[in-house]
Amino acid sequence: MNSDVATTTAPEQRWDPGDPLDTAFVDDEVRIREELRRGDFTRWRQPGGHVLHEELTGFPERLFLFEADGRWYAGCKTISDYVLDKGMPGVFCSRVYWYNVVGTVESVRTSVTDARIVFRPLDEAGRRAAFEAVTPLTEIVHPFAKQREPGREKTSPADGWLVTEERAAFLGLGEEHIRRYTRERFGPWLETAAEEVLAYDPACSTGQFLSEFAAADPARIRTVGQDLSRQMTEFAASRLDRVACGDAMRPAVGPGSVDILFSRFLNSEVVSTAQARAILPGLAATLRPGGTMVLLGHSPVLLDALDLRSAGLRVLQTVARQDDCLFQYYVCEYGG
C-alpha cells in the first residue's frame, strides 16, 4: 500500500483502558434492561407522570426520540452486549431494541445541567408496534449531546487518539454490526457503480472499517484514509491505499473526486455539534455529483436530515434495521 505518512515504528506503548465499570453500576444497568423488557416503569414514575432524566455530564446519550405514524415516541438505551460479553469500554452502542421504546412523549425540557423527557408508558404491544413502524427514513434523534463539564461538549483529544494492537481491537468492537450491514447494504450498489470506486474516510482511525468495505471488491475500490492522529495513520497505512494525517476541515482529496464517503466521526464524544456542522459542507463537496455519503458510528450522530440537506445532500436513508435492532445509518446522495 502507498501512504502519505512515514511508516516508522512507534515506541512500545501500553494502552490503559481505564478502570473497569463498577460492578454495582453494571448490575443496575442490567436490571434496567430487564425492567424495560418486562414493562416495569416503576423507577421512572414520579408524582404526576413518568420521567426519563439524565445529567448532561452523565449518560444523556441513552435518551432518544423518534416520530412514527404522526406520534412522537421516547426511548432509553440500555447496556450493550458488547460491554457485557466482550468487555468493550463504554456503556452503550448504536443499537436500539423494541424494549428500549418506553412510550409517547408528553414534554421535553433541558436546563444547564440536565435533560428530562416526560412520557406516557405504552404496553408491550404498543411499544412493539411503534418499533415496527420505524421506516428507513425515520430519524432516531439523540437530542442531548454528552458534556465533559456544564456547557462544554465532550470531544476527542485535539491531536486524536493513540493506538495499540489491543486498543485497535477494542475500537472495532462497537461497529461489528455496522460493518456487516454496510457490506450487505452496498453489495448491490457496487455492482452498478463505476469501473473504479474511490472510497474516502476522513477520520479513518485504524483503517478497519474502510479496508473491510474495500474487501468486497479490492480490484475496483481505491481507499483514502485520513486522521488527526499521526499514530493512527501509521497504523492504518498497511490497510489502505493512501493515508494522510490531518484535520477533516482540510480534506485529503480534491473536490468532486469521491464516489463514497464514510463519516464515522461527526458524532457525540468525538467532535462538538458546532464542529460537526462546520466540517460537513467541505466533506460533502469532495463527492462527485451523485456520490454517496454515509454517516454512522458507535456514538450518536450529531447531525440531522436538515443539516444534510443544507449541505446539498439528498437524504435517502436515516436508519438501518438489522436482525432485531435499529441504529442510525444516514445514506445521502450529493447534488441529488
C-alpha atoms as a PDB file:
ATOM      1  CA  MET A   1       0.000   0.000   0.000  1.00  0.00           C
ATOM      2  CA  ASN A   2       1.116   3.562  -0.677  1.00  0.00           C
ATOM      3  CA  SER A   3       0.945   6.115   2.116  1.00  0.00           C
ATOM      4  CA  ASP A   4       1.396   9.832   2.710  1.00  0.00           C
ATOM      5  CA  VAL A   5       2.745   9.111   6.174  1.00  0.00           C
ATOM      6  CA  ALA A   6       6.009   7.729   7.378  1.00  0.00           C
ATOM      7  CA  THR A   7       5.787   4.079   8.362  1.00  0.00           C
ATOM      8  CA  THR A   8       8.191   4.314  11.253  1.00  0.00           C
ATOM      9  CA  THR A   9       7.578   2.073  14.196  1.00  0.00           C
ATOM     10  CA  ALA A  10       6.197   3.896  17.210  1.00  0.00           C
ATOM     11  CA  PRO A  11       7.811   3.265  20.589  1.00  0.00           C
ATOM     12  CA  GLU A  12       6.256   0.404  22.531  1.00  0.00           C
ATOM     13  CA  GLN A  13       3.247   1.701  24.427  1.00  0.00           C
ATOM     14  CA  ARG A  14       0.654   0.115  26.619  1.00  0.00           C
ATOM     15  CA  TRP A  15      -2.947   1.191  26.259  1.00  0.00           C
ATOM     16  CA  ASP A  16      -4.685   1.941  29.506  1.00  0.00           C
ATOM     17  CA  PRO A  17      -8.394   1.188  29.014  1.00  0.00           C
ATOM     18  CA  GLY A  18      -9.173   2.853  32.324  1.00  0.00           C
ATOM     19  CA  ASP A  19     -10.838   1.411  35.347  1.00  0.00           C
ATOM     20  CA  PRO A  20     -13.415  -1.317  34.698  1.00  0.00           C
ATOM     21  CA  LEU A  21     -17.049  -0.399  35.176  1.00  0.00           C
ATOM     22  CA  ASP A  22     -18.205  -0.602  38.762  1.00  0.00           C
ATOM     23  CA  THR A  23     -19.923  -3.945  39.362  1.00  0.00           C
ATOM     24  CA  ALA A  24     -22.871  -2.341  41.136  1.00  0.00           C
ATOM     25  CA  PHE A  25     -23.328   0.048  38.198  1.00  0.00           C
ATOM     26  CA  VAL A  26     -23.297  -2.817  35.676  1.00  0.00           C
ATOM     27  CA  ASP A  27     -25.753  -4.811  37.786  1.00  0.00           C
ATOM     28  CA  ASP A  28     -28.117  -1.832  37.897  1.00  0.00           C
ATOM     29  CA  GLU A  29     -27.831  -1.331  34.133  1.00  0.00           C
ATOM     30  CA  VAL A  30     -28.740  -4.974  33.610  1.00  0.00           C
ATOM     31  CA  ARG A  31     -31.730  -4.526  35.938  1.00  0.00           C
ATOM     32  CA  ILE A  32     -32.852  -1.510  33.878  1.00  0.00           C
ATOM     33  CA  ARG A  33     -32.760  -3.644  30.756  1.00  0.00           C
ATOM     34  CA  GLU A  34     -34.767  -6.400  32.396  1.00  0.00           C
ATOM     35  CA  GLU A  35     -37.321  -3.931  33.776  1.00  0.00           C
ATOM     36  CA  LEU A  36     -37.848  -2.477  30.324  1.00  0.00           C
ATOM     37  CA  ARG A  37     -38.312  -5.922  28.846  1.00  0.00           C
ATOM     38  CA  ARG A  38     -40.978  -6.639  31.475  1.00  0.00           C
ATOM     39  CA  GLY A  39     -42.626  -3.256  31.013  1.00  0.00           C
ATOM     40  CA  ASP A  40     -41.886  -2.259  34.604  1.00  0.00           C
ATOM     41  CA  PHE A  41     -41.605   1.567  34.652  1.00  0.00           C
ATOM     42  CA  THR A  42     -41.534   1.922  38.434  1.00  0.00           C
ATOM     43  CA  ARG A  43     -38.117   3.573  38.599  1.00  0.00           C
ATOM     44  CA  TRP A  44     -39.235   6.324  36.195  1.00  0.00           C
ATOM     45  CA  ARG A  45     -42.537   7.044  37.968  1.00  0.00           C
ATOM     46  CA  GLN A  46     -42.912  10.402  39.697  1.00  0.00           C
ATOM     47  CA  PRO A  47     -45.941  12.149  41.158  1.00  0.00           C
ATOM     48  CA  GLY A  48     -47.939  13.209  38.131  1.00  0.00           C
ATOM     49  CA  GLY A  49     -46.145  11.193  35.444  1.00  0.00           C
ATOM     50  CA  HIS A  50     -43.173   9.180  34.185  1.00  0.00           C
ATOM     51  CA  VAL A  51     -39.827  10.867  33.562  1.00  0.00           C
ATOM     52  CA  LEU A  52     -36.599   9.899  31.815  1.00  0.00           C
ATOM     53  CA  HIS A  53     -33.946  12.075  33.417  1.00  0.00           C
ATOM     54  CA  GLU A  54     -30.178  12.345  32.831  1.00  0.00           C
ATOM     55  CA  GLU A  55     -27.436  14.751  33.814  1.00  0.00           C
ATOM     56  CA  LEU A  56     -25.769  16.156  30.702  1.00  0.00           C
ATOM     57  CA  THR A  57     -22.402  15.122  32.153  1.00  0.00           C
ATOM     58  CA  GLY A  58     -23.838  11.669  32.866  1.00  0.00           C
ATOM     59  CA  PHE A  59     -25.456   9.497  30.187  1.00  0.00           C
ATOM     60  CA  PRO A  60     -27.692  11.795  28.106  1.00  0.00           C
ATOM     61  CA  GLU A  61     -26.769   9.728  25.030  1.00  0.00           C
ATOM     62  CA  ARG A  62     -29.054   6.958  26.278  1.00  0.00           C
ATOM     63  CA  LEU A  63     -32.158   9.073  25.605  1.00  0.00           C
ATOM     64  CA  PHE A  64     -33.675   9.140  22.130  1.00  0.00           C
ATOM     65  CA  LEU A  65     -36.805  10.233  20.283  1.00  0.00           C
ATOM     66  CA  PHE A  66     -38.454   9.290  17.009  1.00  0.00           C
ATOM     67  CA  GLU A  67     -41.665  10.081  15.140  1.00  0.00           C
ATOM     68  CA  ALA A  68     -43.770   7.334  13.613  1.00  0.00           C
ATOM     69  CA  ASP A  69     -47.334   7.419  12.310  1.00  0.00           C
ATOM     70  CA  GLY A  70     -47.680  11.037  13.413  1.00  0.00           C
ATOM     71  CA  ARG A  71     -46.738  10.411  17.053  1.00  0.00           C
ATOM     72  CA  TRP A  72     -43.515  11.100  18.936  1.00  0.00           C
ATOM     73  CA  TYR A  73     -42.038   8.283  21.000  1.00  0.00           C
ATOM     74  CA  ALA A  74     -39.396   8.305  23.723  1.00  0.00           C
ATOM     75  CA  GLY A  75     -36.736   5.706  24.325  1.00  0.00           C
ATOM     76  CA  CYS A  76     -33.995   4.759  26.740  1.00  0.00           C
ATOM     77  CA  LYS A  77     -30.909   2.799  25.675  1.00  0.00           C
ATOM     78  CA  THR A  78     -29.607   0.017  27.875  1.00  0.00           C
ATOM     79  CA  ILE A  79     -26.180  -1.502  28.434  1.00  0.00           C
ATOM     80  CA  SER A  80     -24.722  -3.096  25.308  1.00  0.00           C
ATOM     81  CA  ASP A  81     -23.988  -6.781  24.936  1.00  0.00           C
ATOM     82  CA  TYR A  82     -20.604  -5.687  23.580  1.00  0.00           C
ATOM     83  CA  VAL A  83     -19.871  -4.409  27.098  1.00  0.00           C
ATOM     84  CA  LEU A  84     -21.268  -7.424  28.932  1.00  0.00           C
ATOM     85  CA  ASP A  85     -19.944 -10.160  26.648  1.00  0.00           C
ATOM     86  CA  LYS A  86     -16.740  -8.672  25.217  1.00  0.00           C
ATOM     87  CA  GLY A  87     -15.631  -6.055  27.721  1.00  0.00           C
ATOM     88  CA  MET A  88     -15.967  -3.137  25.311  1.00  0.00           C
ATOM     89  CA  PRO A  89     -15.218   0.200  27.006  1.00  0.00           C
ATOM     90  CA  GLY A  90     -18.221   2.477  27.388  1.00  0.00           C
ATOM     91  CA  VAL A  91     -21.780   1.517  28.247  1.00  0.00           C
ATOM     92  CA  PHE A  92     -23.951   1.757  25.142  1.00  0.00           C
ATOM     93  CA  CYS A  93     -23.645   1.068  21.431  1.00  0.00           C
ATOM     94  CA  SER A  94     -25.653   2.351  18.473  1.00  0.00           C
ATOM     95  CA  ARG A  95     -28.315  -0.380  18.612  1.00  0.00           C
ATOM     96  CA  VAL A  96     -31.901   0.151  19.737  1.00  0.00           C
ATOM     97  CA  TYR A  97     -34.321  -2.703  20.518  1.00  0.00           C
ATOM     98  CA  TRP A  98     -38.109  -2.774  20.870  1.00  0.00           C
ATOM     99  CA  TYR A  99     -37.886  -2.770  24.654  1.00  0.00           C
ATOM    100  CA  ASN A 100     -35.889   0.488  24.575  1.00  0.00           C
ATOM    101  CA  VAL A 101     -39.079   2.229  23.408  1.00  0.00           C
ATOM    102  CA  VAL A 102     -40.933   3.364  26.549  1.00  0.00           C
ATOM    103  CA  GLY A 103     -43.950   5.387  25.397  1.00  0.00           C
ATOM    104  CA  THR A 104     -45.286   8.554  23.822  1.00  0.00           C
ATOM    105  CA  VAL A 105     -43.709  11.948  24.504  1.00  0.00           C
ATOM    106  CA  GLU A 106     -45.561  14.452  26.667  1.00  0.00           C
ATOM    107  CA  SER A 107     -42.785  17.056  27.050  1.00  0.00           C
ATOM    108  CA  VAL A 108     -39.041  17.603  26.646  1.00  0.00           C
ATOM    109  CA  ARG A 109     -37.099  20.046  28.825  1.00  0.00           C
ATOM    110  CA  THR A 110     -33.446  20.875  29.386  1.00  0.00           C
ATOM    111  CA  SER A 111     -31.527  23.021  31.842  1.00  0.00           C
ATOM    112  CA  VAL A 112     -27.868  23.975  32.064  1.00  0.00           C
ATOM    113  CA  THR A 113     -27.147  20.640  33.723  1.00  0.00           C
ATOM    114  CA  ASP A 114     -29.823  18.088  32.869  1.00  0.00           C
ATOM    115  CA  ALA A 115     -32.340  16.736  30.354  1.00  0.00           C
ATOM    116  CA  ARG A 116     -35.860  15.471  31.002  1.00  0.00           C
ATOM    117  CA  ILE A 117     -38.407  13.637  28.858  1.00  0.00           C
ATOM    118  CA  VAL A 118     -41.886  13.168  30.291  1.00  0.00           C
ATOM    119  CA  PHE A 119     -43.586  10.178  28.686  1.00  0.00           C
ATOM    120  CA  ARG A 120     -46.795   8.197  28.800  1.00  0.00           C
ATOM    121  CA  PRO A 121     -45.932   4.490  29.070  1.00  0.00           C
ATOM    122  CA  LEU A 122     -47.234   2.040  26.489  1.00  0.00           C
ATOM    123  CA  ASP A 123     -47.901  -1.656  26.923  1.00  0.00           C
ATOM    124  CA  GLU A 124     -45.722  -4.201  25.178  1.00  0.00           C
ATOM    125  CA  ALA A 125     -47.960  -4.387  22.119  1.00  0.00           C
ATOM    126  CA  GLY A 126     -47.839  -0.598  21.710  1.00  0.00           C
ATOM    127  CA  ARG A 127     -44.078  -0.472  22.145  1.00  0.00           C
ATOM    128  CA  ARG A 128     -43.501  -3.238  19.631  1.00  0.00           C
ATOM    129  CA  ALA A 129     -45.877  -1.574  17.172  1.00  0.00           C
ATOM    130  CA  ALA A 130     -44.008   1.733  17.461  1.00  0.00           C
ATOM    131  CA  PHE A 131     -40.694  -0.053  16.926  1.00  0.00           C
ATOM    132  CA  GLU A 132     -42.017  -1.833  13.837  1.00  0.00           C
ATOM    133  CA  ALA A 133     -43.427   1.447  12.485  1.00  0.00           C
ATOM    134  CA  VAL A 134     -39.905   2.846  12.076  1.00  0.00           C
ATOM    135  CA  THR A 135     -39.102   3.149   8.367  1.00  0.00           C
ATOM    136  CA  PRO A 136     -35.729   3.670   6.622  1.00  0.00           C
ATOM    137  CA  LEU A 137     -36.475   7.419   6.673  1.00  0.00           C
ATOM    138  CA  THR A 138     -37.444   7.654  10.345  1.00  0.00           C
ATOM    139  CA  GLU A 139     -34.815   9.627  12.235  1.00  0.00           C
ATOM    140  CA  ILE A 140     -33.694   8.273  15.582  1.00  0.00           C
ATOM    141  CA  VAL A 141     -32.835  11.523  17.342  1.00  0.00           C
ATOM    142  CA  HIS A 142     -30.417  11.771  20.273  1.00  0.00           C
ATOM    143  CA  PRO A 143     -31.195  15.376  21.253  1.00  0.00           C
ATOM    144  CA  PHE A 144     -28.767  15.735  24.157  1.00  0.00           C
ATOM    145  CA  ALA A 145     -25.021  15.798  23.459  1.00  0.00           C
ATOM    146  CA  LYS A 146     -22.810  14.418  26.214  1.00  0.00           C
ATOM    147  CA  GLN A 147     -20.913  17.134  28.101  1.00  0.00           C
ATOM    148  CA  ARG A 148     -17.459  16.943  29.642  1.00  0.00           C
ATOM    149  CA  GLU A 149     -18.465  19.731  32.007  1.00  0.00           C
ATOM    150  CA  PRO A 150     -21.532  22.003  32.031  1.00  0.00           C
ATOM    151  CA  GLY A 151     -21.665  23.947  28.775  1.00  0.00           C
ATOM    152  CA  ARG A 152     -18.803  22.040  27.115  1.00  0.00           C
ATOM    153  CA  GLU A 153     -19.481  19.022  24.920  1.00  0.00           C
ATOM    154  CA  LYS A 154     -17.235  16.013  25.331  1.00  0.00           C
ATOM    155  CA  THR A 155     -14.857  15.614  22.364  1.00  0.00           C
ATOM    156  CA  SER A 156     -11.766  13.614  21.450  1.00  0.00           C
ATOM    157  CA  PRO A 157      -8.246  14.964  22.123  1.00  0.00           C
ATOM    158  CA  ALA A 158      -7.190  17.796  19.799  1.00  0.00           C
ATOM    159  CA  ASP A 159      -4.465  15.663  18.212  1.00  0.00           C
ATOM    160  CA  GLY A 160      -6.522  12.471  18.007  1.00  0.00           C
ATOM    161  CA  TRP A 161      -6.095   9.162  19.806  1.00  0.00           C
ATOM    162  CA  LEU A 162      -3.106   6.925  20.283  1.00  0.00           C
ATOM    163  CA  VAL A 163      -3.465   3.303  19.300  1.00  0.00           C
ATOM    164  CA  THR A 164      -2.009  -0.105  20.108  1.00  0.00           C
ATOM    165  CA  GLU A 165      -2.966  -3.517  18.746  1.00  0.00           C
ATOM    166  CA  GLU A 166      -5.067  -4.078  21.868  1.00  0.00           C
ATOM    167  CA  ARG A 167      -6.876  -0.766  21.567  1.00  0.00           C
ATOM    168  CA  ALA A 168      -7.429  -1.285  17.833  1.00  0.00           C
ATOM    169  CA  ALA A 169      -9.320  -4.488  18.631  1.00  0.00           C
ATOM    170  CA  PHE A 170     -11.482  -2.674  21.182  1.00  0.00           C
ATOM    171  CA  LEU A 171     -12.168   0.248  18.821  1.00  0.00           C
ATOM    172  CA  GLY A 172     -13.626  -2.108  16.249  1.00  0.00           C
ATOM    173  CA  LEU A 173     -15.979  -3.916  18.637  1.00  0.00           C
ATOM    174  CA  GLY A 174     -18.840  -1.422  18.705  1.00  0.00           C
ATOM    175  CA  GLU A 175     -19.092  -1.326  14.915  1.00  0.00           C
ATOM    176  CA  GLU A 176     -19.212  -5.056  14.198  1.00  0.00           C
ATOM    177  CA  HIS A 177     -22.908  -4.937  13.280  1.00  0.00           C
ATOM    178  CA  ILE A 178     -22.438  -1.707  11.294  1.00  0.00           C
ATOM    179  CA  ARG A 179     -19.623  -3.181   9.192  1.00  0.00           C
ATOM    180  CA  ARG A 180     -21.759  -6.223   8.450  1.00  0.00           C
ATOM    181  CA  TYR A 181     -24.727  -4.069   7.480  1.00  0.00           C
ATOM    182  CA  THR A 182     -22.522  -1.892   5.258  1.00  0.00           C
ATOM    183  CA  ARG A 183     -21.299  -4.909   3.313  1.00  0.00           C
ATOM    184  CA  GLU A 184     -24.889  -6.062   2.804  1.00  0.00           C
ATOM    185  CA  ARG A 185     -26.239  -2.585   2.040  1.00  0.00           C
ATOM    186  CA  PHE A 186     -23.667  -1.668  -0.606  1.00  0.00           C
ATOM    187  CA  GLY A 187     -23.162  -5.031  -2.292  1.00  0.00           C
ATOM    188  CA  PRO A 188     -25.814  -4.298  -4.962  1.00  0.00           C
ATOM    189  CA  TRP A 189     -24.594  -0.684  -5.250  1.00  0.00           C
ATOM    190  CA  LEU A 190     -21.090  -1.857  -6.137  1.00  0.00           C
ATOM    191  CA  GLU A 191     -22.457  -3.989  -8.954  1.00  0.00           C
ATOM    192  CA  THR A 192     -23.731  -0.877 -10.750  1.00  0.00           C
ATOM    193  CA  ALA A 193     -21.023   1.599  -9.671  1.00  0.00           C
ATOM    194  CA  ALA A 194     -18.335   2.967 -11.963  1.00  0.00           C
ATOM    195  CA  GLU A 195     -15.408   0.804 -13.026  1.00  0.00           C
ATOM    196  CA  GLU A 196     -13.237   2.259 -10.256  1.00  0.00           C
ATOM    197  CA  VAL A 197     -14.627   3.458  -6.917  1.00  0.00           C
ATOM    198  CA  LEU A 198     -12.845   5.971  -4.694  1.00  0.00           C
ATOM    199  CA  ALA A 199     -13.829   5.438  -1.052  1.00  0.00           C
ATOM    200  CA  TYR A 200     -12.806   8.072   1.495  1.00  0.00           C
ATOM    201  CA  ASP A 201     -12.885   8.029   5.296  1.00  0.00           C
ATOM    202  CA  PRO A 202     -11.858  11.433   6.731  1.00  0.00           C
ATOM    203  CA  ALA A 203     -11.416  10.024  10.248  1.00  0.00           C
ATOM    204  CA  CYS A 204     -10.261   6.528   9.418  1.00  0.00           C
ATOM    205  CA  SER A 205      -8.961   5.530  12.857  1.00  0.00           C
ATOM    206  CA  THR A 206      -7.269   2.123  12.454  1.00  0.00           C
ATOM    207  CA  GLY A 207      -8.477   1.731   8.863  1.00  0.00           C
ATOM    208  CA  GLN A 208     -10.514  -1.360   9.713  1.00  0.00           C
ATOM    209  CA  PHE A 209     -13.866  -0.022   8.555  1.00  0.00           C
ATOM    210  CA  LEU A 210     -12.683   1.202   5.157  1.00  0.00           C
ATOM    211  CA  SER A 211     -10.479  -1.819   4.486  1.00  0.00           C
ATOM    212  CA  GLU A 212     -13.341  -4.232   5.214  1.00  0.00           C
ATOM    213  CA  PHE A 213     -15.579  -2.273   2.843  1.00  0.00           C
ATOM    214  CA  ALA A 214     -12.905  -2.425   0.140  1.00  0.00           C
ATOM    215  CA  ALA A 215     -12.564  -6.186   0.603  1.00  0.00           C
ATOM    216  CA  ALA A 216     -15.910  -6.537  -1.197  1.00  0.00           C
ATOM    217  CA  ASP A 217     -14.152  -5.688  -4.498  1.00  0.00           C
ATOM    218  CA  PRO A 218     -10.452  -4.930  -3.936  1.00  0.00           C
ATOM    219  CA  ALA A 219      -9.691  -4.759  -7.655  1.00  0.00           C
ATOM    220  CA  ARG A 220     -12.046  -1.788  -8.131  1.00  0.00           C
ATOM    221  CA  ILE A 221     -12.187   0.045  -4.803  1.00  0.00           C
ATOM    222  CA  ARG A 222      -9.427   2.557  -4.025  1.00  0.00           C
ATOM    223  CA  THR A 223      -9.242   3.701  -0.414  1.00  0.00           C
ATOM    224  CA  VAL A 224      -8.122   7.012   1.060  1.00  0.00           C
ATOM    225  CA  GLY A 225      -7.992   7.414   4.817  1.00  0.00           C
ATOM    226  CA  GLN A 226      -7.297  10.495   6.902  1.00  0.00           C
ATOM    227  CA  ASP A 227      -6.973  11.028  10.635  1.00  0.00           C
ATOM    228  CA  LEU A 228      -5.844  13.646  13.145  1.00  0.00           C
ATOM    229  CA  SER A 229      -3.659  11.140  14.928  1.00  0.00           C
ATOM    230  CA  ARG A 230      -0.232  10.537  13.399  1.00  0.00           C
ATOM    231  CA  GLN A 231      -0.063   7.181  15.141  1.00  0.00           C
ATOM    232  CA  MET A 232      -3.488   6.174  13.809  1.00  0.00           C
ATOM    233  CA  THR A 233      -2.452   6.954  10.245  1.00  0.00           C
ATOM    234  CA  GLU A 234       0.718   4.928  10.642  1.00  0.00           C
ATOM    235  CA  PHE A 235      -1.373   2.058  11.971  1.00  0.00           C
ATOM    236  CA  ALA A 236      -3.866   2.327   9.079  1.00  0.00           C
ATOM    237  CA  ALA A 237      -1.203   2.661   6.344  1.00  0.00           C
ATOM    238  CA  SER A 238      -0.862  -1.089   5.841  1.00  0.00           C
ATOM    239  CA  ARG A 239      -4.619  -1.470   5.366  1.00  0.00           C
ATOM    240  CA  LEU A 240      -5.443   1.352   2.949  1.00  0.00           C
ATOM    241  CA  ASP A 241      -4.148   2.538  -0.439  1.00  0.00           C
ATOM    242  CA  ARG A 242      -3.391   6.065   0.766  1.00  0.00           C
ATOM    243  CA  VAL A 243      -3.430   7.671   4.211  1.00  0.00           C
ATOM    244  CA  ALA A 244      -2.940  11.298   5.240  1.00  0.00           C
ATOM    245  CA  CYS A 245      -2.547  12.872   8.636  1.00  0.00           C
ATOM    246  CA  GLY A 246      -4.683  15.973   9.026  1.00  0.00           C
ATOM    247  CA  ASP A 247      -7.863  17.711  10.090  1.00  0.00           C
ATOM    248  CA  ALA A 248     -11.034  16.802   8.194  1.00  0.00           C
ATOM    249  CA  MET A 249     -11.666  20.538   7.764  1.00  0.00           C
ATOM    250  CA  ARG A 250      -8.963  20.199   5.104  1.00  0.00           C
ATOM    251  CA  PRO A 251      -9.889  17.037   3.189  1.00  0.00           C
ATOM    252  CA  ALA A 252      -7.099  14.893   1.787  1.00  0.00           C
ATOM    253  CA  VAL A 253      -8.946  14.500  -1.522  1.00  0.00           C
ATOM    254  CA  GLY A 254      -9.968  17.032  -4.133  1.00  0.00           C
ATOM    255  CA  PRO A 255     -13.460  18.440  -4.716  1.00  0.00           C
ATOM    256  CA  GLY A 256     -15.756  16.251  -6.781  1.00  0.00           C
ATOM    257  CA  SER A 257     -13.462  13.221  -6.657  1.00  0.00           C
ATOM    258  CA  VAL A 258     -15.067  10.790  -4.183  1.00  0.00           C
ATOM    259  CA  ASP A 259     -17.608   8.100  -5.045  1.00  0.00           C
ATOM    260  CA  ILE A 260     -18.447   7.114  -1.470  1.00  0.00           C
ATOM    261  CA  LEU A 261     -17.537   8.837   1.802  1.00  0.00           C
ATOM    262  CA  PHE A 262     -17.941   7.218   5.215  1.00  0.00           C
ATOM    263  CA  SER A 263     -18.293   9.635   8.122  1.00  0.00           C
ATOM    264  CA  ARG A 264     -17.789   7.919  11.471  1.00  0.00           C
ATOM    265  CA  PHE A 265     -16.717  10.963  13.476  1.00  0.00           C
ATOM    266  CA  LEU A 266     -19.397  13.668  13.228  1.00  0.00           C
ATOM    267  CA  ASN A 267     -20.645  12.058  16.401  1.00  0.00           C
ATOM    268  CA  SER A 268     -21.087  12.730  20.081  1.00  0.00           C
ATOM    269  CA  GLU A 269     -17.872  12.422  22.141  1.00  0.00           C
ATOM    270  CA  VAL A 270     -15.729  12.865  19.012  1.00  0.00           C
ATOM    271  CA  VAL A 271     -16.452  16.447  17.891  1.00  0.00           C
ATOM    272  CA  SER A 272     -18.871  19.095  19.126  1.00  0.00           C
ATOM    273  CA  THR A 273     -22.164  19.803  17.380  1.00  0.00           C
ATOM    274  CA  ALA A 274     -20.813  23.145  16.136  1.00  0.00           C
ATOM    275  CA  GLN A 275     -17.699  21.435  14.745  1.00  0.00           C
ATOM    276  CA  ALA A 276     -19.790  18.778  13.004  1.00  0.00           C
ATOM    277  CA  ARG A 277     -21.887  21.426  11.263  1.00  0.00           C
ATOM    278  CA  ALA A 278     -18.776  23.364  10.231  1.00  0.00           C
ATOM    279  CA  ILE A 279     -16.990  20.310   8.818  1.00  0.00           C
ATOM    280  CA  LEU A 280     -19.923  18.870   6.848  1.00  0.00           C
ATOM    281  CA  PRO A 281     -20.023  21.231   3.811  1.00  0.00           C
ATOM    282  CA  GLY A 282     -16.358  20.713   2.959  1.00  0.00           C
ATOM    283  CA  LEU A 283     -16.692  16.948   3.141  1.00  0.00           C
ATOM    284  CA  ALA A 284     -19.840  16.939   1.031  1.00  0.00           C
ATOM    285  CA  ALA A 285     -18.001  18.964  -1.624  1.00  0.00           C
ATOM    286  CA  THR A 286     -15.441  16.162  -2.056  1.00  0.00           C
ATOM    287  CA  LEU A 287     -18.186  13.981  -3.555  1.00  0.00           C
ATOM    288  CA  ARG A 288     -18.700  13.770  -7.270  1.00  0.00           C
ATOM    289  CA  PRO A 289     -22.237  14.646  -8.454  1.00  0.00           C
ATOM    290  CA  GLY A 290     -24.358  11.681  -7.455  1.00  0.00           C
ATOM    291  CA  GLY A 291     -21.729  10.476  -4.974  1.00  0.00           C
ATOM    292  CA  THR A 292     -22.742   8.833  -1.707  1.00  0.00           C
ATOM    293  CA  MET A 293     -22.127   9.986   1.863  1.00  0.00           C
ATOM    294  CA  VAL A 294     -22.798   7.635   4.773  1.00  0.00           C
ATOM    295  CA  LEU A 295     -22.965   8.834   8.378  1.00  0.00           C
ATOM    296  CA  LEU A 296     -22.845   6.239  11.125  1.00  0.00           C
ATOM    297  CA  GLY A 297     -20.997   5.400  14.278  1.00  0.00           C
ATOM    298  CA  HIS A 298     -20.722   3.824  17.671  1.00  0.00           C
ATOM    299  CA  SER A 299     -21.931   7.034  19.389  1.00  0.00           C
ATOM    300  CA  PRO A 300     -24.898   9.200  18.284  1.00  0.00           C
ATOM    301  CA  VAL A 301     -24.657  11.187  15.037  1.00  0.00           C
ATOM    302  CA  LEU A 302     -24.720  14.918  15.849  1.00  0.00           C
ATOM    303  CA  LEU A 303     -26.320  15.999  12.565  1.00  0.00           C
ATOM    304  CA  ASP A 304     -29.837  15.541  11.291  1.00  0.00           C
ATOM    305  CA  ALA A 305     -31.541  15.480   7.910  1.00  0.00           C
ATOM    306  CA  LEU A 306     -31.911  19.268   7.862  1.00  0.00           C
ATOM    307  CA  ASP A 307     -28.140  19.726   8.284  1.00  0.00           C
ATOM    308  CA  LEU A 308     -27.530  17.247   5.478  1.00  0.00           C
ATOM    309  CA  ARG A 309     -29.984  18.838   3.072  1.00  0.00           C
ATOM    310  CA  SER A 310     -28.429  22.233   3.804  1.00  0.00           C
ATOM    311  CA  ALA A 311     -25.079  20.846   2.609  1.00  0.00           C
ATOM    312  CA  GLY A 312     -26.522  19.836  -0.768  1.00  0.00           C
ATOM    313  CA  LEU A 313     -27.231  16.221   0.124  1.00  0.00           C
ATOM    314  CA  ARG A 314     -30.391  14.284  -0.671  1.00  0.00           C
ATOM    315  CA  VAL A 315     -31.242  12.022   2.255  1.00  0.00           C
ATOM    316  CA  LEU A 316     -32.090   8.509   1.073  1.00  0.00           C
ATOM    317  CA  GLN A 317     -31.989   6.685   4.393  1.00  0.00           C
ATOM    318  CA  THR A 318     -31.670   7.577   8.080  1.00  0.00           C
ATOM    319  CA  VAL A 319     -31.955   4.286   9.949  1.00  0.00           C
ATOM    320  CA  ALA A 320     -30.909   0.673   9.454  1.00  0.00           C
ATOM    321  CA  ARG A 321     -32.882  -2.364  10.546  1.00  0.00           C
ATOM    322  CA  GLN A 322     -30.834  -5.486  11.179  1.00  0.00           C
ATOM    323  CA  ASP A 323     -31.894  -8.682  12.910  1.00  0.00           C
ATOM    324  CA  ASP A 324     -33.948  -7.431  15.878  1.00  0.00           C
ATOM    325  CA  CYS A 325     -32.417  -3.956  16.247  1.00  0.00           C
ATOM    326  CA  LEU A 326     -32.335  -0.480  14.711  1.00  0.00           C
ATOM    327  CA  PHE A 327     -29.473   2.010  14.533  1.00  0.00           C
ATOM    328  CA  GLN A 328     -28.698   5.374  12.965  1.00  0.00           C
ATOM    329  CA  TYR A 329     -27.413   4.981   9.407  1.00  0.00           C
ATOM    330  CA  TYR A 330     -27.668   8.001   7.110  1.00  0.00           C
ATOM    331  CA  VAL A 331     -27.210   7.441   3.369  1.00  0.00           C
ATOM    332  CA  CYS A 332     -27.152  10.578   1.213  1.00  0.00           C
ATOM    333  CA  GLU A 333     -26.615  11.497  -2.419  1.00  0.00           C
ATOM    334  CA  TYR A 334     -24.676  14.625  -3.297  1.00  0.00           C
ATOM    335  CA  GLY A 335     -26.314  17.052  -5.675  1.00  0.00           C
ATOM    336  CA  GLY A 336     -29.445  14.957  -5.951  1.00  0.00           C
END
